[in-house]
Amino acid sequence: MGKITDALKKAAEDRFERIDKINKIKEHRQIVIKKKGDSRMDSRIVTYFDPKALISEQFKILRTNVLSSQKGKALKVLVITSSIHQEGKTVTSLNLGVTLAQSTKKPRVLLIDADMRRGRLAKYLGVDQPAGLSEVLVGQAEANQVMFNVDIDNLTFMTSGAVPHNPVELLDSDVMAGLIENLKKQFDHIIIDTPPIISVTDAGIVGAQADGVLMVIQAGRTQRGIVRRAIELLHQSHARILGHVLTNVEYHLPEYIYRYL
């Protein structure tokens, strides 16, 4: 009996030693990212507050559709844009990012606010994060210095940073291309929230470097001619449009009425 006990004890010790080694390897490989403890998330990020809500289920469908659009290839970089302002693209980006992070495979997801003119990511997260993408692109900070987490597992954020005088040139630079390539090695999925394509060319520039683009359209507000023009501009930039997300839609179900965004 004593020999059996000693053997079990040694096996347990060996197992714990292996686990400790694995954890040390993982810790070594992990990116050091700051944790924001004072997040005051906007209530429109429904997937965070109520993952089982009907709207959250719609984002799970969107997640499935987006991931399957690559026909077996991994979707690494996804750009989200809209035709005009206030169509819900940043809220869509956040909800999709949360939903991706919640999937069973627990992928590492990064959400970048590349709207360096009117970035809203920090506002919706309820955090104070002045430094972001623009500081990285002008060489004032490293990417790992401006990335941060809130209390959402597997989801990392990078805000837009200070407003630069040349956002188009920064997004079209070799530094931006190199940044995306480096981040692709560290994250399974990267969502990039960009400005509306009608007003500036930013979305087309970044979209050409991505695996695909989602265009957000607000129902009952955005005119069809504007949407067609936005699609033309994305095609001219050689961006691959994966599909469209319709916001401001009411779901009429028995005993329920839900408004999406």
Protein backbone atom coordinates (compact mmCIF):
# COMPACT_ATOMS: atom_id res chain seq x y z
CA MET A 1 0.00 0.00 0.00
CA GLY A 2 2.87 2.36 0.86
CA LYS A 3 4.49 1.81 -2.55
CA ILE A 4 1.20 2.55 -4.32
CA THR A 5 0.74 5.71 -2.27
CA ASP A 6 4.27 6.86 -3.03
CA ALA A 7 3.74 6.14 -6.74
CA LEU A 8 0.49 8.14 -6.81
CA LYS A 9 2.15 10.96 -4.92
CA LYS A 10 5.06 11.06 -7.38
CA ALA A 11 2.66 10.96 -10.36
CA ALA A 12 0.70 13.86 -8.90
CA GLU A 13 3.88 15.85 -8.28
CA ASP A 14 5.06 15.19 -11.84
CA ARG A 15 1.70 16.32 -13.20
CA PHE A 16 1.73 19.52 -11.17
CA GLU A 17 5.28 20.18 -12.36
CA ARG A 18 4.20 19.77 -16.00
CA ILE A 19 1.21 22.07 -15.47
CA ASP A 20 3.48 24.65 -13.83
CA LYS A 21 5.86 24.49 -16.80
CA ILE A 22 2.99 24.89 -19.27
CA ASN A 23 1.62 27.88 -17.35
CA LYS A 24 5.06 29.51 -17.31
CA ILE A 25 5.35 29.03 -21.07
CA LYS A 26 1.90 30.55 -21.59
CA GLU A 27 2.73 33.47 -19.31
CA HIS A 28 5.90 34.08 -21.27
CA ARG A 29 4.03 34.14 -24.57
CA GLN A 30 1.20 36.34 -23.39
CA ILE A 31 1.11 40.03 -24.23
CA VAL A 32 1.29 42.31 -21.23
CA ILE A 33 -1.92 44.34 -21.45
CA LYS A 34 -3.30 46.78 -18.91
CA LYS A 35 -6.59 46.06 -17.19
CA LYS A 36 -9.10 48.89 -16.87
CA GLY A 37 -11.03 48.38 -13.65
CA ASP A 38 -13.30 51.41 -13.86
CA SER A 39 -15.17 50.52 -17.05
CA ARG A 40 -18.67 51.96 -17.39
CA MET A 41 -19.88 50.12 -20.46
CA ASP A 42 -22.65 51.66 -22.56
CA SER A 43 -25.98 49.82 -22.20
CA ARG A 44 -26.17 49.33 -25.98
CA ILE A 45 -23.46 46.69 -25.72
CA VAL A 46 -26.20 44.13 -25.14
CA THR A 47 -23.97 41.12 -25.74
CA TYR A 48 -22.01 42.12 -22.64
CA PHE A 49 -24.96 42.75 -20.33
CA ASP A 50 -27.31 40.02 -21.57
CA PRO A 51 -25.66 37.32 -23.73
CA LYS A 52 -28.97 35.44 -23.97
CA ALA A 53 -31.08 38.35 -25.23
CA LEU A 54 -32.63 38.15 -28.69
CA ILE A 55 -30.35 40.89 -29.96
CA SER A 56 -27.34 38.95 -28.66
CA GLU A 57 -28.60 35.93 -30.58
CA GLN A 58 -28.62 38.04 -33.75
CA PHE A 59 -24.97 38.87 -33.17
CA LYS A 60 -24.20 35.18 -32.75
CA ILE A 61 -25.79 34.61 -36.16
CA LEU A 62 -23.67 37.46 -37.54
CA ARG A 63 -20.57 35.87 -35.99
CA THR A 64 -21.36 32.55 -37.66
CA ASN A 65 -21.98 34.20 -41.02
CA VAL A 66 -18.80 36.25 -40.87
CA LEU A 67 -16.59 33.32 -39.88
CA SER A 68 -18.09 31.03 -42.52
CA SER A 69 -17.65 33.63 -45.26
CA GLN A 70 -13.99 32.68 -45.67
CA LYS A 71 -14.82 29.15 -46.89
CA GLY A 72 -12.45 27.36 -44.58
CA LYS A 73 -9.86 30.12 -44.28
CA ALA A 74 -9.34 31.90 -40.98
CA LEU A 75 -10.84 35.38 -40.81
CA LYS A 76 -8.07 37.43 -39.22
CA VAL A 77 -8.85 41.08 -39.98
CA LEU A 78 -12.36 42.48 -40.34
CA VAL A 79 -13.10 46.14 -41.08
CA ILE A 80 -16.44 47.64 -40.10
CA THR A 81 -17.66 50.85 -41.70
CA SER A 82 -20.83 52.64 -42.76
CA SER A 83 -21.93 55.08 -45.43
CA ILE A 84 -22.50 58.06 -43.14
CA HIS A 85 -22.18 58.90 -39.45
CA GLN A 86 -24.46 57.60 -36.67
CA GLU A 87 -25.50 54.34 -38.30
CA GLY A 88 -24.32 52.21 -35.37
CA LYS A 89 -20.97 50.91 -36.65
CA THR A 90 -19.05 51.30 -33.38
CA VAL A 91 -21.83 49.68 -31.34
CA THR A 92 -21.93 46.89 -33.93
CA SER A 93 -18.14 46.52 -33.71
CA LEU A 94 -18.30 46.22 -29.93
CA ASN A 95 -21.16 43.74 -29.88
CA LEU A 96 -19.53 41.58 -32.54
CA GLY A 97 -16.20 41.74 -30.69
CA VAL A 98 -17.83 40.58 -27.45
CA THR A 99 -19.67 37.80 -29.27
CA LEU A 100 -16.49 36.57 -30.95
CA ALA A 101 -14.71 36.54 -27.59
CA GLN A 102 -17.57 34.55 -26.04
CA SER A 103 -17.36 31.70 -28.57
CA THR A 104 -16.46 28.23 -27.34
CA LYS A 105 -12.97 28.28 -28.86
CA LYS A 106 -12.12 31.34 -26.72
CA PRO A 107 -10.21 33.17 -29.48
CA ARG A 108 -8.03 36.18 -28.76
CA VAL A 109 -9.91 39.18 -30.16
CA LEU A 110 -8.64 42.72 -30.66
CA LEU A 111 -10.89 45.69 -31.41
CA ILE A 112 -9.14 48.75 -32.85
CA ASP A 113 -10.76 52.17 -33.17
CA ALA A 114 -9.26 53.46 -36.43
CA ASP A 115 -11.61 56.45 -36.62
CA MET A 116 -8.90 58.92 -35.70
CA ARG A 117 -11.19 61.87 -36.38
CA ARG A 118 -14.23 60.97 -34.24
CA GLY A 119 -13.30 57.83 -32.34
CA ARG A 120 -16.02 56.63 -29.96
CA LEU A 121 -14.68 53.36 -28.60
CA ALA A 122 -13.44 54.78 -25.29
CA LYS A 123 -16.74 56.57 -24.79
CA TYR A 124 -18.81 53.40 -25.26
CA LEU A 125 -16.48 51.44 -22.99
CA GLY A 126 -16.67 54.19 -20.38
CA VAL A 127 -12.90 54.36 -19.93
CA ASP A 128 -10.31 57.10 -20.01
CA GLN A 129 -7.67 56.00 -22.50
CA PRO A 130 -6.16 59.01 -24.31
CA ALA A 131 -3.31 57.18 -26.06
CA GLY A 132 -4.10 54.80 -28.89
CA LEU A 133 -3.61 54.01 -32.57
CA SER A 134 -2.41 57.47 -33.63
CA GLU A 135 0.38 57.42 -31.04
CA VAL A 136 1.53 54.02 -32.31
CA LEU A 137 1.53 55.17 -35.95
CA VAL A 138 3.58 58.31 -35.25
CA GLY A 139 6.08 56.40 -33.12
CA GLN A 140 5.16 57.87 -29.75
CA ALA A 141 4.10 54.52 -28.25
CA GLU A 142 4.32 50.77 -28.79
CA ALA A 143 1.16 48.79 -29.48
CA ASN A 144 1.36 46.88 -26.19
CA GLN A 145 1.54 50.19 -24.30
CA VAL A 146 -1.85 51.38 -25.57
CA MET A 147 -3.79 48.10 -25.64
CA PHE A 148 -5.97 47.33 -22.64
CA ASN A 149 -8.68 45.02 -21.30
CA VAL A 150 -11.89 45.56 -19.41
CA ASP A 151 -13.73 42.74 -17.66
CA ILE A 152 -14.41 40.77 -20.87
CA ASP A 153 -12.36 37.62 -21.27
CA ASN A 154 -10.31 37.26 -24.48
CA LEU A 155 -11.16 40.77 -25.73
CA THR A 156 -8.54 43.52 -26.01
CA PHE A 157 -9.01 47.13 -27.11
CA MET A 158 -7.02 49.90 -28.75
CA THR A 159 -8.60 53.35 -28.92
CA SER A 160 -8.05 55.89 -31.70
CA GLY A 161 -5.79 58.16 -29.65
CA ALA A 162 -5.26 61.86 -30.23
CA VAL A 163 -6.57 63.40 -33.46
CA PRO A 164 -3.64 63.63 -35.91
CA HIS A 165 -3.39 66.16 -38.74
CA ASN A 166 -2.86 63.42 -41.37
CA PRO A 167 -4.99 60.34 -40.54
CA VAL A 168 -5.23 59.16 -44.17
CA GLU A 169 -1.45 59.15 -44.60
CA LEU A 170 -0.98 57.33 -41.30
CA LEU A 171 -3.47 54.59 -42.20
CA ASP A 172 -1.90 54.22 -45.64
CA SER A 173 1.63 53.97 -44.25
CA ASP A 174 4.03 51.04 -44.01
CA VAL A 175 3.83 51.43 -40.24
CA MET A 176 0.09 50.63 -40.30
CA ALA A 177 0.64 47.65 -42.61
CA GLY A 178 3.42 46.38 -40.36
CA LEU A 179 1.27 46.89 -37.26
CA ILE A 180 -1.55 44.79 -38.71
CA GLU A 181 0.86 42.01 -39.68
CA ASN A 182 2.37 41.92 -36.18
CA LEU A 183 -1.01 41.95 -34.47
CA LYS A 184 -2.20 39.07 -36.67
CA LYS A 185 0.47 36.94 -35.01
CA GLN A 186 -0.83 37.80 -31.55
CA PHE A 187 -4.61 37.67 -32.05
CA ASP A 188 -7.02 35.26 -33.71
CA HIS A 189 -9.43 38.00 -34.85
CA ILE A 190 -8.91 41.74 -35.32
CA ILE A 191 -11.89 44.05 -35.77
CA ILE A 192 -11.08 47.54 -37.06
CA ASP A 193 -13.75 50.22 -36.66
CA THR A 194 -13.23 52.83 -39.39
CA PRO A 195 -14.89 56.15 -40.35
CA PRO A 196 -17.82 56.26 -42.81
CA ILE A 197 -16.62 55.64 -46.37
CA ILE A 198 -18.62 58.47 -48.00
CA SER A 199 -16.92 61.27 -46.05
CA VAL A 200 -13.28 60.04 -46.07
CA THR A 201 -11.21 57.29 -47.69
CA ASP A 202 -9.96 55.71 -44.45
CA ALA A 203 -12.26 52.67 -44.59
CA GLY A 204 -11.20 51.86 -48.14
CA ILE A 205 -7.50 52.12 -47.28
CA VAL A 206 -7.75 49.83 -44.26
CA GLY A 207 -10.34 47.61 -45.93
CA ALA A 208 -7.90 46.77 -48.72
CA GLN A 209 -5.54 45.35 -46.07
CA ALA A 210 -8.26 43.28 -44.38
CA ASP A 211 -9.84 39.91 -45.11
CA GLY A 212 -13.20 41.59 -45.52
CA VAL A 213 -15.46 44.55 -44.78
CA LEU A 214 -18.86 44.72 -43.11
CA MET A 215 -20.97 47.76 -43.91
CA VAL A 216 -23.48 48.98 -41.35
CA ILE A 217 -26.71 50.49 -42.69
CA GLN A 218 -29.35 52.18 -40.57
CA ALA A 219 -32.83 51.19 -41.67
CA GLY A 220 -35.21 54.06 -42.46
CA ARG A 221 -32.43 56.65 -42.59
CA THR A 222 -29.69 55.83 -45.07
CA GLN A 223 -30.82 56.35 -48.66
CA ARG A 224 -30.21 53.63 -51.25
CA GLY A 225 -28.21 55.95 -53.48
CA ILE A 226 -25.82 56.68 -50.63
CA VAL A 227 -25.42 52.97 -49.92
CA ARG A 228 -24.71 52.26 -53.59
CA ARG A 229 -22.08 55.00 -53.65
CA ALA A 230 -20.47 53.60 -50.51
CA ILE A 231 -20.28 50.14 -52.09
CA GLU A 232 -18.71 51.65 -55.22
CA LEU A 233 -16.04 53.40 -53.15
CA LEU A 234 -15.17 50.19 -51.31
CA HIS A 235 -14.90 48.28 -54.58
CA GLN A 236 -12.67 51.01 -56.02
CA SER A 237 -10.38 50.56 -53.01
CA HIS A 238 -10.20 46.80 -53.74
CA ALA A 239 -11.86 46.01 -50.43
CA ARG A 240 -13.81 42.75 -50.18
CA ILE A 241 -17.34 43.37 -48.90
CA LEU A 242 -18.54 40.41 -46.85
CA GLY A 243 -22.04 41.75 -46.26
CA HIS A 244 -24.22 44.35 -44.60
CA VAL A 245 -25.58 44.80 -41.08
CA LEU A 246 -28.96 46.48 -40.82
CA THR A 247 -29.51 48.53 -37.65
CA ASN A 248 -32.54 50.32 -36.19
CA VAL A 249 -34.75 47.33 -37.00
CA GLU A 250 -37.69 46.34 -34.83
CA TYR A 251 -38.26 42.65 -34.21
CA HIS A 252 -41.97 41.96 -33.74
CA LEU A 253 -42.38 38.66 -31.92
CA PRO A 254 -45.26 37.35 -29.79
CA GLU A 255 -45.33 39.31 -26.54
CA TYR A 256 -42.07 41.10 -27.41
CA ILE A 257 -40.89 44.08 -29.41
CA TYR A 258 -37.12 44.49 -29.66
CA ARG A 259 -35.24 47.29 -31.33
CA TYR A 260 -31.77 46.46 -32.59
CA LEU A 261 -29.44 49.37 -31.79
